[in-house]
Protein backbone atom coordinates (compact mmCIF):
# COMPACT_ATOMS: atom_id res chain seq x y z
CA MET A 1 3.55 -34.66 -25.05
CA ALA A 2 5.92 -32.38 -23.18
CA GLU A 3 9.60 -33.27 -22.98
CA GLY A 4 12.34 -32.50 -20.49
CA THR A 5 13.78 -33.61 -17.17
CA ILE A 6 12.53 -31.86 -14.06
CA LEU A 7 14.55 -32.01 -10.83
CA VAL A 8 12.38 -31.61 -7.71
CA ALA A 9 13.77 -31.01 -4.19
CA ASP A 10 11.48 -30.84 -1.16
CA ASP A 11 11.77 -32.46 2.27
CA ASP A 12 8.02 -33.21 2.23
CA SER A 13 7.53 -36.54 0.46
CA SER A 14 3.84 -35.85 -0.21
CA ILE A 15 4.69 -32.68 -2.14
CA ARG A 16 7.34 -34.56 -4.15
CA THR A 17 4.76 -37.23 -4.97
CA VAL A 18 2.06 -34.76 -6.04
CA ILE A 19 4.46 -32.78 -8.25
CA GLY A 20 5.87 -35.97 -9.74
CA HIS A 21 2.44 -37.31 -10.68
CA ALA A 22 1.20 -33.97 -12.04
CA LEU A 23 4.24 -33.28 -14.24
CA GLY A 24 4.60 -36.95 -15.16
CA ARG A 25 1.11 -36.89 -16.68
CA GLU A 26 2.26 -33.97 -18.84
CA GLY A 27 5.05 -36.16 -20.23
CA TYR A 28 8.04 -34.85 -18.26
CA ASP A 29 10.69 -37.07 -16.70
CA VAL A 30 10.61 -36.14 -12.99
CA ARG A 31 13.42 -36.95 -10.52
CA SER A 32 12.83 -36.10 -6.85
CA THR A 33 14.93 -35.79 -3.72
CA GLY A 34 14.40 -34.72 -0.14
CA ASN A 35 17.72 -32.91 0.33
CA ALA A 36 19.85 -30.19 -1.23
CA ALA A 37 23.00 -32.33 -1.49
CA THR A 38 21.46 -34.73 -4.00
CA LEU A 39 19.98 -31.89 -6.03
CA TRP A 40 23.39 -30.20 -6.12
CA ARG A 41 25.05 -33.41 -7.35
CA TRP A 42 22.51 -33.79 -10.16
CA VAL A 43 22.93 -30.17 -11.25
CA SER A 44 26.75 -30.38 -11.02
CA GLU A 45 26.72 -33.45 -13.29
CA GLY A 46 24.70 -31.53 -15.89
CA ASP A 47 21.40 -33.31 -15.31
CA GLY A 48 17.98 -31.68 -15.58
CA ASP A 49 16.34 -29.09 -17.81
CA LEU A 50 14.56 -27.30 -14.94
CA VAL A 51 14.75 -27.28 -11.13
CA ILE A 52 11.87 -26.96 -8.66
CA THR A 53 13.15 -26.49 -5.12
CA ASP A 54 11.79 -25.65 -1.70
CA VAL A 55 13.48 -22.97 0.39
CA ILE A 56 13.55 -24.87 3.69
CA MET A 57 15.44 -28.15 3.44
CA PRO A 58 17.26 -30.14 6.14
CA ASP A 59 20.82 -29.65 4.87
CA GLU A 60 20.86 -26.27 3.11
CA ASP A 61 18.76 -23.18 2.51
CA GLY A 62 17.23 -23.36 -0.96
CA LEU A 63 18.10 -19.73 -1.71
CA ASN A 64 21.78 -20.33 -1.00
CA LEU A 65 21.62 -23.37 -3.26
CA LEU A 66 19.96 -21.24 -5.93
CA THR A 67 22.94 -18.86 -5.87
CA ARG A 68 25.38 -21.74 -6.36
CA ILE A 69 23.30 -23.22 -9.19
CA ASN A 70 23.28 -19.92 -11.05
CA LYS A 71 27.08 -19.70 -10.85
CA ILE A 72 27.70 -23.03 -12.58
CA ARG A 73 24.58 -23.27 -14.80
CA PRO A 74 23.13 -19.77 -15.27
CA GLU A 75 20.94 -20.98 -18.16
CA LEU A 76 19.11 -23.54 -15.96
CA PRO A 77 15.66 -22.18 -14.93
CA VAL A 78 14.90 -22.62 -11.21
CA VAL A 79 11.41 -22.39 -9.69
CA VAL A 80 11.47 -21.66 -5.96
CA MET A 81 8.67 -22.91 -3.68
CA SER A 82 8.02 -21.60 -0.17
CA ALA A 83 5.40 -21.77 2.55
CA ARG A 84 6.70 -18.45 3.93
CA ASN A 85 4.20 -16.27 2.13
CA THR A 86 5.73 -12.81 2.31
CA MET A 87 6.88 -10.25 -0.21
CA LEU A 88 10.37 -10.58 1.25
CA MET A 89 10.60 -14.20 0.11
CA ALA A 90 9.52 -13.29 -3.42
CA ILE A 91 12.15 -10.53 -3.52
CA ARG A 92 14.92 -12.80 -2.28
CA ALA A 93 14.08 -15.51 -4.79
CA THR A 94 13.97 -13.03 -7.66
CA GLU A 95 17.20 -11.31 -6.57
CA ARG A 96 19.09 -14.58 -6.60
CA GLY A 97 18.01 -15.49 -10.08
CA ALA A 98 14.87 -17.61 -9.68
CA TYR A 99 12.85 -18.01 -12.87
CA GLU A 100 9.67 -17.90 -10.79
CA TYR A 101 8.57 -17.82 -7.16
CA LEU A 102 5.70 -20.17 -6.26
CA PRO A 103 4.04 -19.86 -2.84
CA LYS A 104 2.63 -22.89 -1.06
CA PRO A 105 -0.04 -24.11 -1.35
CA PHE A 106 0.00 -23.73 -5.13
CA ASP A 107 -2.19 -24.75 -8.02
CA LEU A 108 -0.75 -27.69 -9.99
CA ASN A 109 -2.10 -26.29 -13.26
CA GLU A 110 -0.22 -23.06 -12.59
CA LEU A 111 2.94 -25.05 -11.89
CA ALA A 112 2.54 -26.91 -15.21
CA ARG A 113 2.14 -23.61 -17.07
CA ILE A 114 5.28 -22.18 -15.42
CA VAL A 115 7.29 -25.28 -16.31
CA GLU A 116 6.12 -25.20 -19.92
CA ARG A 117 6.91 -21.51 -20.26
CA ALA A 118 10.35 -21.88 -18.69
CA LEU A 119 11.34 -24.76 -20.97
CA VAL A 120 10.08 -23.08 -24.15
CA SER A 121 11.67 -19.67 -23.53
CA PRO A 122 13.88 -19.64 -20.43
CA ALA A 123 14.60 -16.08 -19.30
CA ALA A 124 18.09 -14.94 -18.43
CA THR A 125 18.57 -14.86 -14.67
CA GLN A 126 18.73 -11.50 -12.92
CA GLN A 127 21.20 -12.62 -10.30
CA GLY A 128 24.43 -10.70 -9.87
CA GLU A 129 27.00 -9.82 -7.27
CA ASP A 130 24.97 -6.84 -6.07
CA ALA A 131 21.94 -9.03 -5.46
CA VAL A 132 23.99 -11.54 -3.49
CA GLN A 133 25.65 -8.88 -1.36
CA ARG A 134 22.41 -7.19 -0.36
CA GLY A 135 22.37 -9.47 2.61
CA ALA A 136 19.93 -9.14 5.47
CA LEU A 137 16.64 -7.66 4.38
CA ASP A 138 14.06 -6.56 6.90
CA GLU A 139 12.33 -9.65 8.30
CA THR A 140 9.53 -7.51 9.71
CA MET A 141 8.18 -6.48 6.30
CA PRO A 142 4.42 -6.30 7.05
CA LEU A 143 3.19 -7.10 3.52
CA ILE A 144 1.95 -10.51 4.55
CA GLY A 145 -0.61 -12.96 3.27
CA ARG A 146 -1.10 -16.22 1.43
CA SER A 147 -4.11 -15.18 -0.65
CA PRO A 148 -3.69 -15.46 -4.44
CA VAL A 149 -4.10 -11.72 -4.93
CA MET A 150 -1.26 -10.97 -2.50
CA GLN A 151 0.99 -13.62 -4.04
CA ASP A 152 0.50 -11.99 -7.44
CA LEU A 153 1.37 -8.66 -5.84
CA TYR A 154 4.57 -10.05 -4.29
CA ARG A 155 5.75 -11.43 -7.60
CA LEU A 156 5.05 -8.14 -9.36
CA LEU A 157 6.89 -6.09 -6.72
CA ALA A 158 9.81 -8.51 -6.77
CA ARG A 159 10.20 -7.80 -10.48
CA LEU A 160 9.91 -4.04 -9.96
CA VAL A 161 12.43 -3.49 -7.16
CA GLY A 162 15.41 -3.72 -9.50
CA THR A 163 14.01 -1.19 -11.97
CA ASP A 164 13.49 2.58 -12.13
CA LEU A 165 10.04 2.30 -13.68
CA THR A 166 7.43 4.80 -12.52
CA VAL A 167 4.74 3.07 -10.47
CA LEU A 168 1.16 4.16 -9.69
CA ILE A 169 -0.24 2.44 -6.59
CA SER A 170 -4.00 2.50 -6.17
CA GLY A 171 -6.35 1.07 -3.57
CA PRO A 172 -8.58 2.01 -0.64
CA SER A 173 -7.21 3.91 2.34
CA GLY A 174 -5.49 1.70 4.91
CA THR A 175 -4.30 -0.99 2.48
CA GLY A 176 -0.59 -0.13 2.78
CA LYS A 177 0.24 2.01 -0.25
CA GLU A 178 3.16 3.74 1.47
CA LEU A 179 4.47 0.36 2.65
CA VAL A 180 4.61 -0.77 -0.98
CA ALA A 181 6.36 2.45 -2.00
CA ARG A 182 8.93 2.02 0.76
CA ALA A 183 9.49 -1.61 -0.19
CA LEU A 184 10.18 -0.63 -3.80
CA HIS A 185 12.76 1.84 -2.49
CA ASP A 186 14.28 -0.13 0.40
CA TYR A 187 14.90 -3.26 -1.72
CA GLY A 188 15.80 -1.43 -4.94
CA LYS A 189 19.05 -0.06 -6.30
CA ARG A 190 18.31 3.41 -4.86
CA ARG A 191 18.04 2.11 -1.30
CA HIS A 192 21.16 4.00 -0.15
CA ARG A 193 19.64 7.32 -1.24
CA PRO A 194 16.69 9.22 0.34
CA PHE A 195 13.08 8.10 0.35
CA VAL A 196 11.03 11.33 0.42
CA PRO A 197 7.24 11.16 0.87
CA ILE A 198 4.84 14.04 0.29
CA ASN A 199 1.07 13.95 0.80
CA MET A 200 -0.73 16.20 -1.67
CA ALA A 201 -3.93 16.25 0.39
CA ALA A 202 -2.09 17.65 3.43
CA ILE A 203 -0.62 20.72 1.72
CA PRO A 204 -2.51 23.88 0.69
CA HIS A 205 -2.72 23.97 -3.11
CA GLU A 206 -0.89 27.27 -3.40
CA LEU A 207 2.14 25.79 -1.61
CA ILE A 208 2.45 22.46 -3.46
CA GLU A 209 4.71 23.77 -6.25
CA SER A 210 7.07 25.31 -3.72
CA GLU A 211 7.07 22.11 -1.62
CA LEU A 212 7.86 19.97 -4.67
CA PHE A 213 10.26 22.11 -6.65
CA GLY A 214 11.58 24.59 -4.10
CA HIS A 215 11.61 28.37 -4.44
CA GLU A 216 14.01 31.26 -4.81
CA LYS A 217 14.43 34.08 -2.31
CA GLY A 218 11.72 36.68 -2.94
CA ALA A 219 9.64 34.39 -5.16
CA PHE A 220 6.57 35.19 -3.06
CA THR A 221 5.63 36.97 0.14
CA GLY A 222 7.47 35.33 3.03
CA ALA A 223 10.16 33.69 0.87
CA THR A 224 13.09 35.23 2.76
CA ALA A 225 15.55 32.55 1.68
CA ARG A 226 15.91 29.88 -0.99
CA GLY A 227 13.78 26.82 -0.19
CA ILE A 228 14.82 23.27 -1.12
CA GLY A 229 11.97 21.25 -2.59
CA LYS A 230 11.21 17.54 -2.35
CA PHE A 231 12.75 16.78 -5.74
CA GLU A 232 16.13 18.10 -4.62
CA GLN A 233 15.80 16.34 -1.26
CA ALA A 234 15.12 13.03 -3.06
CA GLU A 235 18.04 13.35 -5.49
CA GLY A 236 19.25 9.87 -6.41
CA GLY A 237 16.45 8.25 -4.42
CA THR A 238 12.68 7.87 -4.54
CA LEU A 239 9.98 10.54 -4.38
CA PHE A 240 6.65 9.18 -3.14
CA LEU A 241 3.70 11.33 -4.26
CA ASP A 242 0.84 10.26 -2.03
CA GLU A 243 -2.77 11.24 -2.84
CA ILE A 244 -1.66 12.35 -6.30
CA GLY A 245 -5.29 12.97 -7.25
CA ASP A 246 -5.26 16.07 -5.02
CA MET A 247 -2.48 17.75 -6.99
CA PRO A 248 -3.69 21.00 -8.63
CA ILE A 249 -3.51 21.34 -12.42
CA GLU A 250 -0.70 23.93 -12.32
CA ALA A 251 1.56 21.60 -10.35
CA GLN A 252 0.57 18.70 -12.62
CA THR A 253 1.99 20.61 -15.59
CA ARG A 254 5.33 21.13 -13.83
CA LEU A 255 5.45 17.47 -12.75
CA LEU A 256 4.82 16.37 -16.33
CA ARG A 257 7.88 18.33 -17.45
CA VAL A 258 10.03 16.50 -14.91
CA LEU A 259 8.79 13.12 -16.13
CA GLN A 260 9.27 14.07 -19.78
CA GLN A 261 12.57 15.97 -19.63
CA GLY A 262 14.12 14.95 -16.31
CA GLU A 263 14.49 18.54 -15.13
CA PHE A 264 12.60 21.32 -13.36
CA THR A 265 12.87 24.94 -12.26
CA THR A 266 12.22 26.29 -8.80
CA VAL A 267 9.36 28.71 -8.16
CA GLY A 268 10.76 32.09 -9.18
CA GLY A 269 13.84 30.48 -10.71
CA ARG A 270 15.11 30.36 -14.29
CA ARG A 271 17.86 27.76 -14.16
CA SER A 272 16.87 24.17 -15.03
CA ILE A 273 17.81 21.60 -12.40
CA SER A 274 18.24 17.94 -13.37
CA ALA A 275 16.15 15.44 -11.43
CA ASP A 276 17.50 11.94 -10.89
CA VAL A 277 14.63 10.45 -8.88
CA ARG A 278 12.33 7.49 -9.15
CA ILE A 279 8.66 8.50 -8.97
CA VAL A 280 6.17 6.33 -7.10
CA ALA A 281 2.66 7.79 -6.85
CA ALA A 282 -0.39 6.60 -4.95
CA THR A 283 -4.09 7.36 -4.89
CA ASN A 284 -7.38 6.11 -3.49
CA ARG A 285 -9.26 8.04 -6.19
CA ASN A 286 -10.36 6.96 -9.67
CA LEU A 287 -7.85 8.93 -11.73
CA ARG A 288 -9.38 7.82 -15.03
CA GLN A 289 -12.63 9.45 -13.94
CA PHE A 290 -10.69 12.56 -12.89
CA VAL A 291 -9.19 12.68 -16.38
CA ARG A 292 -12.67 12.53 -17.94
CA GLN A 293 -13.80 15.35 -15.63
CA GLY A 294 -10.83 17.53 -16.56
CA LEU A 295 -9.41 17.40 -13.02
CA PHE A 296 -6.28 15.44 -13.94
CA ARG A 297 -4.08 15.72 -17.01
CA GLU A 298 -4.41 12.73 -19.31
CA ASP A 299 -0.77 12.90 -20.45
CA LEU A 300 0.40 12.98 -16.82
CA PHE A 301 -1.82 10.02 -15.96
CA TYR A 302 -0.15 7.87 -18.61
CA ARG A 303 3.31 9.02 -17.53
CA LEU A 304 2.55 7.94 -13.95
CA ASN A 305 0.66 4.77 -14.84
CA VAL A 306 3.65 3.01 -16.43
CA VAL A 307 3.24 0.10 -14.01
CA PRO A 308 -0.12 0.06 -12.18
CA VAL A 309 -0.16 -1.71 -8.82
CA ARG A 310 -3.58 -2.31 -7.29
CA LEU A 311 -3.82 -3.11 -3.57
CA PRO A 312 -6.88 -5.15 -2.53
CA ALA A 313 -9.22 -4.24 0.28
CA LEU A 314 -8.88 -6.48 3.34
CA LYS A 315 -12.42 -7.83 2.83
CA ASP A 316 -11.19 -9.24 -0.50
CA ARG A 317 -8.46 -11.30 1.17
CA VAL A 318 -9.91 -12.42 4.49
CA GLU A 319 -7.81 -15.59 4.41
CA ASP A 320 -4.82 -13.36 5.23
CA ILE A 321 -6.34 -12.06 8.48
CA PRO A 322 -4.87 -14.79 10.77
CA ASP A 323 -1.34 -14.15 9.45
CA LEU A 324 -1.77 -10.39 9.78
CA VAL A 325 -3.16 -10.64 13.31
CA GLN A 326 -0.28 -12.88 14.37
CA HIS A 327 2.18 -10.43 12.86
CA PHE A 328 0.68 -7.43 14.68
CA LEU A 329 0.50 -9.30 18.00
CA SER A 330 4.14 -10.36 17.63
CA MET A 331 5.15 -6.77 16.86
CA ALA A 332 3.40 -5.61 20.02
CA ALA A 333 5.18 -8.28 22.06
CA ASP A 334 8.55 -7.23 20.59
CA GLU A 335 7.80 -3.72 21.82
CA GLY A 336 7.37 -4.99 25.38
CA LEU A 337 3.60 -5.44 25.46
CA PRO A 338 2.06 -8.71 26.71
CA GLN A 339 2.01 -11.63 24.26
CA LYS A 340 -1.55 -12.43 23.21
CA THR A 341 -3.28 -15.07 21.13
CA ILE A 342 -6.70 -15.06 19.50
CA ALA A 343 -9.12 -17.93 20.08
CA ALA A 344 -10.17 -19.82 16.95
CA GLU A 345 -13.82 -18.76 17.27
CA ALA A 346 -12.75 -15.14 17.75
CA MET A 347 -10.60 -15.36 14.61
CA THR A 348 -13.68 -16.49 12.69
CA LEU A 349 -15.42 -13.32 13.85
CA LEU A 350 -12.51 -11.21 12.65
CA LYS A 351 -12.74 -12.83 9.22
CA SER A 352 -16.45 -12.01 8.98
CA HIS A 353 -15.97 -8.28 9.69
CA SER A 354 -16.17 -5.86 6.73
CA TRP A 355 -12.98 -3.90 7.68
CA PRO A 356 -13.75 -0.51 6.11
CA GLY A 357 -10.42 0.76 7.48
CA ASN A 358 -8.60 -2.21 5.94
CA VAL A 359 -5.24 -3.40 7.32
CA ARG A 360 -4.73 -0.22 9.32
CA GLU A 361 -7.99 -0.86 11.18
CA LEU A 362 -6.95 -4.46 11.88
CA GLU A 363 -3.58 -3.34 13.24
CA ASN A 364 -5.26 -0.81 15.54
CA LEU A 365 -7.61 -3.49 16.85
CA ALA A 366 -4.74 -5.91 17.49
CA ARG A 367 -2.87 -3.30 19.50
CA ARG A 368 -6.00 -2.36 21.42
CA LEU A 369 -6.60 -6.01 22.34
CA THR A 370 -3.01 -6.29 23.54
CA VAL A 371 -3.17 -3.24 25.78
CA MET A 372 -6.73 -3.24 27.12
CA TYR A 373 -7.35 -6.88 28.07
CA ALA A 374 -5.53 -8.93 30.69
CA GLU A 375 -6.38 -12.36 29.25
CA GLU A 376 -3.60 -14.20 27.42
CA THR A 377 -6.11 -15.64 24.96
CA ILE A 378 -8.61 -13.14 23.55
CA ASP A 379 -12.01 -14.82 23.35
CA THR A 380 -15.09 -14.37 21.17
CA GLN A 381 -16.91 -12.14 23.64
CA VAL A 382 -14.12 -9.55 23.68
CA VAL A 383 -13.70 -9.52 19.91
CA ARG A 384 -17.45 -9.30 19.31
CA ALA A 385 -17.73 -6.31 21.65
CA GLU A 386 -14.83 -4.53 19.92
CA LEU A 387 -16.23 -5.20 16.45
CA GLU A 388 -19.73 -4.07 17.41
CA GLU A 389 -18.33 -0.82 18.76
CA ALA A 390 -16.27 -0.34 15.60
CA SER A 391 -19.30 -1.04 13.39
CA ALA A 392 -21.43 1.42 15.34
CA GLY A 393 -18.80 4.11 14.94
CA THR A 394 -18.43 3.40 11.24
CA THR A 395 -22.17 3.59 10.65
CA GLN A 396 -22.34 6.92 12.38
CA ASP A 397 -19.34 8.27 10.51
CA SER A 398 -20.32 7.14 7.02
CA SER A 399 -23.60 6.20 5.41
CA GLY A 400 -25.52 6.49 8.66
CA THR A 401 -24.47 10.09 9.28
CA ALA A 402 -27.37 11.59 7.35
CA ASP A 403 -29.96 9.50 9.17
CA SER A 404 -28.60 10.20 12.66
CA PHE A 405 -28.17 13.89 11.87
CA GLY A 406 -31.67 14.04 10.41
CA ASP A 407 -33.10 12.39 13.52
CA SER A 408 -31.32 14.95 15.68
CA ILE A 409 -32.70 17.85 13.64
CA GLU A 410 -36.21 16.40 13.79
CA ARG A 411 -36.05 16.09 17.59
CA HIS A 412 -34.73 19.65 17.84
CA LEU A 413 -37.57 21.00 15.66
CA SER A 414 -40.19 19.07 17.61
CA ARG A 415 -39.06 20.74 20.82
CA TYR A 416 -38.92 24.10 19.04
CA PHE A 417 -42.51 23.81 17.78
CA ALA A 418 -43.78 22.48 21.13
CA ALA A 419 -42.36 25.52 22.90
CA HIS A 420 -45.05 27.70 21.32
CA GLU A 421 -48.63 27.49 22.54
CA ASP A 422 -50.27 27.40 19.11
CA GLY A 423 -47.70 24.91 17.83
CA LEU A 424 -46.31 27.38 15.33
CA PRO A 425 -43.10 29.37 15.92
CA PRO A 426 -42.58 32.87 14.48
CA SER A 427 -41.91 33.18 10.73
CA GLY A 428 -38.36 32.94 9.39
CA ILE A 429 -37.68 29.51 10.88
CA TYR A 430 -35.71 28.32 7.83
CA ARG A 431 -33.06 31.02 8.15
CA ARG A 432 -32.77 30.57 11.93
CA ILE A 433 -32.33 26.78 11.74
CA ILE A 434 -29.83 27.00 8.86
CA LYS A 435 -27.84 29.52 10.89
CA GLU A 436 -27.82 27.20 13.91
CA VAL A 437 -26.44 24.36 11.79
CA GLU A 438 -24.14 26.42 9.60
CA ARG A 439 -22.23 28.23 12.33
CA PRO A 440 -20.96 25.16 14.26
CA LEU A 441 -20.28 23.33 10.97
CA ILE A 442 -18.03 26.09 9.65
CA ALA A 443 -16.39 26.52 13.06
CA MET A 444 -15.65 22.80 13.22
CA CYS A 445 -14.10 22.79 9.72
CA LEU A 446 -11.94 25.78 10.60
CA SER A 447 -10.83 24.01 13.76
CA ALA A 448 -10.06 20.80 11.84
CA THR A 449 -7.90 22.72 9.35
CA ARG A 450 -6.26 24.77 12.12
CA GLY A 451 -7.76 27.97 10.80
CA ASN A 452 -6.66 27.49 7.21
CA GLN A 453 -9.56 29.04 5.30
CA ILE A 454 -8.45 27.68 1.93
CA ARG A 455 -8.56 24.09 3.16
CA ALA A 456 -11.75 24.71 5.15
CA ALA A 457 -13.46 26.10 2.02
CA LYS A 458 -12.42 23.00 0.08
CA LEU A 459 -13.67 20.74 2.89
CA LEU A 460 -17.04 22.52 2.91
CA GLY A 461 -17.30 22.71 -0.88
CA LEU A 462 -17.54 26.51 -0.77
CA ASN A 463 -15.81 29.29 -2.64
CA ARG A 464 -13.15 30.93 -0.47
CA ASN A 465 -14.84 34.35 -0.73
CA THR A 466 -18.18 32.79 0.21
CA LEU A 467 -16.59 31.27 3.29
CA ARG A 468 -15.07 34.61 4.32
CA LYS A 469 -18.47 36.28 3.96
CA LYS A 470 -20.16 33.64 6.12
CA ILE A 471 -17.43 33.90 8.78
CA SER A 472 -18.16 37.62 8.98
CA GLU A 473 -21.97 37.28 8.92
CA LEU A 474 -22.04 34.50 11.53
CA GLN A 475 -19.34 36.17 13.66
CA ILE A 476 -17.22 33.03 13.79
CA PRO A 477 -13.90 33.60 15.57
CA VAL A 478 -10.87 32.91 13.37
CA VAL A 479 -7.42 31.88 14.57
CA ARG A 480 -5.07 34.86 14.28
CA GLY A 481 -2.80 34.58 11.27
CA ALA A 482 -4.93 31.95 9.49
CA GLN A 483 -5.27 32.28 5.75
């Protein structure tokens, strides 16, 4: 049987009872109280081998009590419980020296495992003066949710904020990868230095090295002065490399040198420049598959993937939707928009939606409901109409595109054939139809990339020279000065 005295503090008598019975069956001696004063007296007198305490108690905040406990008995492991299921709470508990953070509601078997682990090999607390003085953290941190997968994420991030470890964040678009990167910076020891983001997918490949590492005057055509790159801008802080899977191989080689040697050279430069930055990268691609295909350096992948952080799709944590909706509605109200609530039946509809755009899509919907509808309480009819419109748009923009486009082509051809008396148009129809489709498609891609032919060629899946030839053959107007 297990041995040891467990001190439990929670103002909810039912929680004290459940914990007492569960740990008592394991063989522990459990002493419970509903206030911080009694817990403090027990700890001050040297009682207890482990503490389990709630954050919200009638006479004192549990986190403040945790700080005081660590000053007089730093070897005593403390498990912090909280019903406030946010990453911020996990960070605060970890900063102040908690052995573990346990969100409510919790699994009693998990609690028993934590207690056993803490008593067998208690870890040294991480609390220090710097952690105590960090003071008011941002209460609006939008990484919210009580689902098990998010609680695991909070605990992982809470352990990472005090380190300089390189982190690779993966997950579908719209799940909040940049939010996680900013949290690692804003609550870490580099928080007083710059946070510099760069999106690899938004920069032409031939400019990425210059953007990252800077360039010397005359390094290339148009380089009329020395350019400061993102690494120098982020000195002492955090560099966030978003969409890292879109980084070209040449730039990958230079990045690898920075991670291996802590220094780099500018484009056209010879002098090595030291780089004191924390690297956080993110991707919605399968980088392991890219490595197998030769599109991403294997050695760079392992340098970036020191600590992998996977963000779940919203459909995999639907129990968090009510908390997220409430958060977004409250944010809108704080900005001066009308305060709204969602009817229970309407919330059920939201939880049944597939959310291909993930949390970003949910936030957009919440803001749209706030602005477009006069009702204080948003009912099922409104939510259903919004979700049906969103689903129709998604179908058209994704898997349904081919079908709708094919239907359009078929209708066009039917009219084309019917226009001729014998039902057969002149020969050469294939080339004429392809031209009709190809010209607006290329023009649209050029417009979307603001005339950048390199990016348009990549978007189309064409060689750049092939694209130039088609622009000439099809007489497509090009924006003056576009590459």
